[in-house]
Structure formats: C-alpha cells, structure tokens
Amino acid sequence: MKNKMSFISILSILFFSFIYAQDVTLSLDGQNLNYVSTENIGGIQFNHDGCASSASGGDAAAAGFTITATSNMVLGFSFTGSYIPAGSGTLLNLGSSDCVVDSFSGIVFSSNVGSTLNVSFETNSDPVCEDESACNNGEVGDCAYAEENYDCDGNCTAEVDCAGECGGDAV
C-alpha cells in the first residue's frame, strides 16, 4: 500500500509539473521581445496595444518566418515549415520601446509540429516609477522628484531673490 501511495504521489507531481510548465518565457528589453524556449517554435501570434505595429527581424526573421504586424496584432509563421529552435534570443524587434507586459494579450505560440506551447512573461520584481510628475517616469526604481523650486534638470522655477537664491526671500 505504501508503494502504491508513493507511485500515485509521483504521478500527481509529474502531472501538475507538466500542466504548469512553461515552454516559452518572454521578456522585454527596450525594443526587443526576447524569449527562452524549451521547445521549437513553429508559429507566433499575439495582440498588442499599438506598441508593436512595426515588429520585424529577430530570430523569427532569421528562421524564415513571414511576419505580419498590424496596428493591434502580430502573426509569424513559415510557409516552408522552418522553426525557431529551442533556446533563447531576440524573437522580434518590436520597433518601439513603448511596450510593457500589459501591452500584450491573446498570446498563442505553437511548436513546429503544431502543438500549443505554454507562454508566460518574465516578471521583474524591480519597481517601475509610474508617476508622470516624477523625474524618472517609466524607469526601474522608486520615483525621484525635483527639489522644491527646481525642475528635473535642476533649473530654478521660482523667483530668484537679490542674493541669487532660487525661491529665496532676501530683499
């Protein structure tokens, strides 16, 4: 009975590992959509918010994929049956660095034999400053703000007093 329970436990672990395994992990690096894949990639399709309307190049083009990029969708595949081998690299150049993980939806990748691949985006735990009034908006790290009476470039934005102090009150 003990061996039977161990066998069932092992099968359960293998089953859930198979179900939740990621075949392709995507990440963004500026204009590049990068990938790490344990499987050959035979086709790609995803929707976007307009940030990838000129997607091209990368390993998809090197593999001979026909890449169609519209204002809200990217589709790539090969008419000759070629594929992107398992491994890692730049899948596509998106043509813009405006893309963020939330820009993408409806992601469907297939293997070179037509099976659906599990795809996920690498999540970066580093905070990104999203406050439009901050000096480092959109950059990794906590938000940084200009000193009182100065803009982000260090220019005085207040009256300069007679002692030459920005925002001072000398008369």
C-alpha atoms as a PDB file:
ATOM      1  CA  MET A   1       0.000   0.000   0.000  1.00  0.00           C
ATOM      2  CA  LYS A   2       2.866   2.364   0.844  1.00  0.00           C
ATOM      3  CA  ASN A   3       4.470   1.837  -2.592  1.00  0.00           C
ATOM      4  CA  LYS A   4       1.122   2.405  -4.295  1.00  0.00           C
ATOM      5  CA  MET A   5       0.671   5.757  -2.500  1.00  0.00           C
ATOM      6  CA  SER A   6       4.238   6.809  -3.422  1.00  0.00           C
ATOM      7  CA  PHE A   7       3.592   5.936  -7.066  1.00  0.00           C
ATOM      8  CA  ILE A   8       0.364   7.977  -7.060  1.00  0.00           C
ATOM      9  CA  SER A   9       2.191  10.921  -5.432  1.00  0.00           C
ATOM     10  CA  ILE A  10       4.918  10.825  -8.063  1.00  0.00           C
ATOM     11  CA  LEU A  11       2.345  10.667 -10.877  1.00  0.00           C
ATOM     12  CA  SER A  12       0.496  13.651  -9.374  1.00  0.00           C
ATOM     13  CA  ILE A  13       3.696  15.700  -9.189  1.00  0.00           C
ATOM     14  CA  LEU A  14       4.599  14.830 -12.774  1.00  0.00           C
ATOM     15  CA  PHE A  15       1.086  15.624 -13.992  1.00  0.00           C
ATOM     16  CA  PHE A  16       0.980  19.059 -12.328  1.00  0.00           C
ATOM     17  CA  SER A  17       4.551  19.821 -13.413  1.00  0.00           C
ATOM     18  CA  PHE A  18       3.545  19.045 -16.996  1.00  0.00           C
ATOM     19  CA  ILE A  19       0.346  21.112 -16.822  1.00  0.00           C
ATOM     20  CA  TYR A  20       2.008  24.188 -15.334  1.00  0.00           C
ATOM     21  CA  ALA A  21       5.337  24.020 -17.154  1.00  0.00           C
ATOM     22  CA  GLN A  22       6.204  26.983 -19.326  1.00  0.00           C
ATOM     23  CA  ASP A  23       7.549  26.119 -22.747  1.00  0.00           C
ATOM     24  CA  VAL A  24       8.330  29.746 -23.659  1.00  0.00           C
ATOM     25  CA  THR A  25       9.185  32.620 -21.347  1.00  0.00           C
ATOM     26  CA  LEU A  26       9.108  36.104 -22.874  1.00  0.00           C
ATOM     27  CA  SER A  27      10.787  39.277 -21.644  1.00  0.00           C
ATOM     28  CA  LEU A  28      11.160  42.851 -22.834  1.00  0.00           C
ATOM     29  CA  ASP A  29      14.463  44.654 -23.283  1.00  0.00           C
ATOM     30  CA  GLY A  30      13.895  48.055 -24.849  1.00  0.00           C
ATOM     31  CA  GLN A  31      12.577  47.367 -28.361  1.00  0.00           C
ATOM     32  CA  ASN A  32      13.375  43.652 -28.191  1.00  0.00           C
ATOM     33  CA  LEU A  33      10.925  40.898 -27.349  1.00  0.00           C
ATOM     34  CA  ASN A  34      13.232  38.172 -26.032  1.00  0.00           C
ATOM     35  CA  TYR A  35      12.451  34.520 -25.408  1.00  0.00           C
ATOM     36  CA  VAL A  36      13.730  31.431 -23.648  1.00  0.00           C
ATOM     37  CA  SER A  37      12.140  28.264 -25.016  1.00  0.00           C
ATOM     38  CA  THR A  38      12.424  24.600 -24.170  1.00  0.00           C
ATOM     39  CA  GLU A  39      10.542  23.725 -27.377  1.00  0.00           C
ATOM     40  CA  ASN A  40      10.931  24.572 -31.059  1.00  0.00           C
ATOM     41  CA  ILE A  41       8.681  27.483 -32.031  1.00  0.00           C
ATOM     42  CA  GLY A  42       6.710  26.983 -35.246  1.00  0.00           C
ATOM     43  CA  GLY A  43       4.357  29.959 -35.053  1.00  0.00           C
ATOM     44  CA  ILE A  44       3.588  33.058 -33.015  1.00  0.00           C
ATOM     45  CA  GLN A  45       0.546  35.251 -32.643  1.00  0.00           C
ATOM     46  CA  PHE A  46      -0.348  37.958 -30.132  1.00  0.00           C
ATOM     47  CA  ASN A  47      -2.421  41.094 -29.781  1.00  0.00           C
ATOM     48  CA  HIS A  48      -0.870  44.376 -28.645  1.00  0.00           C
ATOM     49  CA  ASP A  49      -1.956  47.889 -27.754  1.00  0.00           C
ATOM     50  CA  GLY A  50      -0.327  49.511 -30.793  1.00  0.00           C
ATOM     51  CA  CYS A  51       3.232  49.406 -29.497  1.00  0.00           C
ATOM     52  CA  ALA A  52       4.413  46.618 -31.846  1.00  0.00           C
ATOM     53  CA  SER A  53       2.874  47.660 -35.158  1.00  0.00           C
ATOM     54  CA  SER A  54       6.259  47.576 -36.889  1.00  0.00           C
ATOM     55  CA  ALA A  55       7.555  44.334 -35.351  1.00  0.00           C
ATOM     56  CA  SER A  56      10.145  42.573 -37.519  1.00  0.00           C
ATOM     57  CA  GLY A  57      13.532  40.883 -37.513  1.00  0.00           C
ATOM     58  CA  GLY A  58      14.947  38.848 -34.676  1.00  0.00           C
ATOM     59  CA  ASP A  59      15.167  35.078 -34.660  1.00  0.00           C
ATOM     60  CA  ALA A  60      11.707  34.863 -36.239  1.00  0.00           C
ATOM     61  CA  ALA A  61      13.006  36.540 -39.416  1.00  0.00           C
ATOM     62  CA  ALA A  62      16.258  34.569 -39.260  1.00  0.00           C
ATOM     63  CA  ALA A  63      14.182  31.355 -39.239  1.00  0.00           C
ATOM     64  CA  GLY A  64      12.397  32.472 -42.410  1.00  0.00           C
ATOM     65  CA  PHE A  65       9.112  33.401 -40.742  1.00  0.00           C
ATOM     66  CA  THR A  66       6.690  35.615 -42.592  1.00  0.00           C
ATOM     67  CA  ILE A  67       5.923  38.326 -40.041  1.00  0.00           C
ATOM     68  CA  THR A  68       2.741  40.353 -40.299  1.00  0.00           C
ATOM     69  CA  ALA A  69       2.411  43.265 -37.884  1.00  0.00           C
ATOM     70  CA  THR A  70      -0.742  45.348 -37.826  1.00  0.00           C
ATOM     71  CA  SER A  71      -1.894  48.146 -35.544  1.00  0.00           C
ATOM     72  CA  ASN A  72      -3.022  45.620 -32.934  1.00  0.00           C
ATOM     73  CA  MET A  73      -1.723  42.143 -33.831  1.00  0.00           C
ATOM     74  CA  VAL A  74       1.475  40.292 -34.756  1.00  0.00           C
ATOM     75  CA  LEU A  75       1.485  36.975 -36.618  1.00  0.00           C
ATOM     76  CA  GLY A  76       4.561  34.978 -37.589  1.00  0.00           C
ATOM     77  CA  PHE A  77       4.985  31.566 -39.221  1.00  0.00           C
ATOM     78  CA  SER A  78       6.840  29.818 -42.011  1.00  0.00           C
ATOM     79  CA  PHE A  79       5.398  28.698 -45.322  1.00  0.00           C
ATOM     80  CA  THR A  80       8.276  26.198 -45.642  1.00  0.00           C
ATOM     81  CA  GLY A  81       7.945  24.533 -42.234  1.00  0.00           C
ATOM     82  CA  SER A  82      11.017  26.118 -40.701  1.00  0.00           C
ATOM     83  CA  TYR A  83      11.006  26.926 -36.994  1.00  0.00           C
ATOM     84  CA  ILE A  84      12.888  28.734 -34.289  1.00  0.00           C
ATOM     85  CA  PRO A  85      14.956  26.097 -32.462  1.00  0.00           C
ATOM     86  CA  ALA A  86      14.587  25.688 -28.705  1.00  0.00           C
ATOM     87  CA  GLY A  87      16.923  28.081 -26.942  1.00  0.00           C
ATOM     88  CA  SER A  88      16.988  31.797 -26.288  1.00  0.00           C
ATOM     89  CA  GLY A  89      17.436  35.078 -28.093  1.00  0.00           C
ATOM     90  CA  THR A  90      15.547  38.010 -29.545  1.00  0.00           C
ATOM     91  CA  LEU A  91      12.272  36.801 -31.003  1.00  0.00           C
ATOM     92  CA  LEU A  92      11.333  40.131 -32.618  1.00  0.00           C
ATOM     93  CA  ASN A  93      12.321  43.749 -32.692  1.00  0.00           C
ATOM     94  CA  LEU A  94       9.055  45.481 -31.784  1.00  0.00           C
ATOM     95  CA  GLY A  95      10.027  48.765 -33.442  1.00  0.00           C
ATOM     96  CA  SER A  96       9.206  50.695 -30.267  1.00  0.00           C
ATOM     97  CA  SER A  97      10.269  50.676 -26.646  1.00  0.00           C
ATOM     98  CA  ASP A  98       6.731  51.690 -25.595  1.00  0.00           C
ATOM     99  CA  CYS A  99       5.651  48.083 -24.994  1.00  0.00           C
ATOM    100  CA  VAL A 100       5.160  46.821 -21.458  1.00  0.00           C
ATOM    101  CA  VAL A 101       3.966  43.395 -20.324  1.00  0.00           C
ATOM    102  CA  ASP A 102       0.376  44.676 -20.128  1.00  0.00           C
ATOM    103  CA  SER A 103       0.573  45.714 -23.812  1.00  0.00           C
ATOM    104  CA  PHE A 104       0.178  42.061 -24.859  1.00  0.00           C
ATOM    105  CA  SER A 105      -2.830  39.738 -24.853  1.00  0.00           C
ATOM    106  CA  GLY A 106      -4.106  36.695 -26.706  1.00  0.00           C
ATOM    107  CA  ILE A 107      -0.635  35.149 -26.894  1.00  0.00           C
ATOM    108  CA  VAL A 108      -0.600  31.884 -28.865  1.00  0.00           C
ATOM    109  CA  PHE A 109       2.609  30.055 -29.766  1.00  0.00           C
ATOM    110  CA  SER A 110       2.791  26.693 -31.495  1.00  0.00           C
ATOM    111  CA  SER A 111       5.554  24.156 -31.814  1.00  0.00           C
ATOM    112  CA  ASN A 112       6.981  23.015 -35.111  1.00  0.00           C
ATOM    113  CA  VAL A 113       4.578  20.049 -35.021  1.00  0.00           C
ATOM    114  CA  GLY A 114       1.520  22.199 -34.325  1.00  0.00           C
ATOM    115  CA  SER A 115       1.013  21.693 -30.597  1.00  0.00           C
ATOM    116  CA  THR A 116       0.180  24.687 -28.417  1.00  0.00           C
ATOM    117  CA  LEU A 117       3.049  25.974 -26.282  1.00  0.00           C
ATOM    118  CA  ASN A 118       2.627  27.394 -22.784  1.00  0.00           C
ATOM    119  CA  VAL A 119       3.841  31.009 -22.782  1.00  0.00           C
ATOM    120  CA  SER A 120       4.462  33.420 -19.934  1.00  0.00           C
ATOM    121  CA  PHE A 121       6.171  36.748 -19.420  1.00  0.00           C
ATOM    122  CA  GLU A 122       9.129  37.008 -17.101  1.00  0.00           C
ATOM    123  CA  THR A 123       8.068  39.115 -14.188  1.00  0.00           C
ATOM    124  CA  ASN A 124      10.540  41.656 -12.938  1.00  0.00           C
ATOM    125  CA  SER A 125      10.222  42.383  -9.234  1.00  0.00           C
ATOM    126  CA  ASP A 126      12.012  45.729  -9.556  1.00  0.00           C
ATOM    127  CA  PRO A 127       9.566  48.613  -9.116  1.00  0.00           C
ATOM    128  CA  VAL A 128       8.988  50.963 -12.034  1.00  0.00           C
ATOM    129  CA  CYS A 129       8.161  54.631 -11.439  1.00  0.00           C
ATOM    130  CA  GLU A 130       4.727  55.261 -12.968  1.00  0.00           C
ATOM    131  CA  ASP A 131       4.125  58.808 -11.638  1.00  0.00           C
ATOM    132  CA  GLU A 132       4.076  61.169 -14.633  1.00  0.00           C
ATOM    133  CA  SER A 133       5.237  64.070 -12.459  1.00  0.00           C
ATOM    134  CA  ALA A 134       8.406  62.245 -11.348  1.00  0.00           C
ATOM    135  CA  CYS A 135      11.780  62.930 -12.946  1.00  0.00           C
ATOM    136  CA  ASN A 136      12.409  59.229 -13.646  1.00  0.00           C
ATOM    137  CA  ASN A 137       8.972  58.236 -15.002  1.00  0.00           C
ATOM    138  CA  GLY A 138       8.952  54.800 -16.615  1.00  0.00           C
ATOM    139  CA  GLU A 139      12.370  53.800 -15.301  1.00  0.00           C
ATOM    140  CA  VAL A 140      13.149  50.953 -12.919  1.00  0.00           C
ATOM    141  CA  GLY A 141      13.391  52.210  -9.340  1.00  0.00           C
ATOM    142  CA  ASP A 142      11.463  54.323  -6.900  1.00  0.00           C
ATOM    143  CA  CYS A 143      10.136  57.659  -8.155  1.00  0.00           C
ATOM    144  CA  ALA A 144      12.526  60.609  -7.847  1.00  0.00           C
ATOM    145  CA  TYR A 145      11.255  64.170  -7.707  1.00  0.00           C
ATOM    146  CA  ALA A 146      12.854  67.561  -8.297  1.00  0.00           C
ATOM    147  CA  GLU A 147      13.908  69.659  -5.332  1.00  0.00           C
ATOM    148  CA  GLU A 148      11.447  72.400  -4.341  1.00  0.00           C
ATOM    149  CA  ASN A 149      11.596  75.367  -6.744  1.00  0.00           C
ATOM    150  CA  TYR A 150      13.562  73.355  -9.341  1.00  0.00           C
ATOM    151  CA  ASP A 151      12.640  71.221 -12.356  1.00  0.00           C
ATOM    152  CA  CYS A 152      14.078  67.770 -13.111  1.00  0.00           C
ATOM    153  CA  ASP A 153      17.043  69.342 -14.937  1.00  0.00           C
ATOM    154  CA  GLY A 154      17.990  71.489 -11.938  1.00  0.00           C
ATOM    155  CA  ASN A 155      16.645  74.733 -13.391  1.00  0.00           C
ATOM    156  CA  CYS A 156      15.115  77.274 -10.999  1.00  0.00           C
ATOM    157  CA  THR A 157      11.345  77.538 -11.487  1.00  0.00           C
ATOM    158  CA  ALA A 158      10.736  80.286  -8.897  1.00  0.00           C
ATOM    159  CA  GLU A 159      11.784  83.911  -8.492  1.00  0.00           C
ATOM    160  CA  VAL A 160      15.469  84.456  -7.746  1.00  0.00           C
ATOM    161  CA  ASP A 161      15.991  86.881  -4.873  1.00  0.00           C
ATOM    162  CA  CYS A 162      18.579  89.679  -4.741  1.00  0.00           C
ATOM    163  CA  ALA A 163      21.091  87.303  -3.102  1.00  0.00           C
ATOM    164  CA  GLY A 164      20.759  84.970  -6.120  1.00  0.00           C
ATOM    165  CA  GLU A 165      18.856  82.282  -4.197  1.00  0.00           C
ATOM    166  CA  CYS A 166      16.129  80.432  -6.131  1.00  0.00           C
ATOM    167  CA  GLY A 167      12.867  80.940  -4.244  1.00  0.00           C
ATOM    168  CA  GLY A 168      14.673  82.958  -1.603  1.00  0.00           C
ATOM    169  CA  ASP A 169      13.191  85.907   0.294  1.00  0.00           C
ATOM    170  CA  ALA A 170      16.132  88.322   0.581  1.00  0.00           C
ATOM    171  CA  VAL A 171      15.290  91.946  -0.305  1.00  0.00           C
END
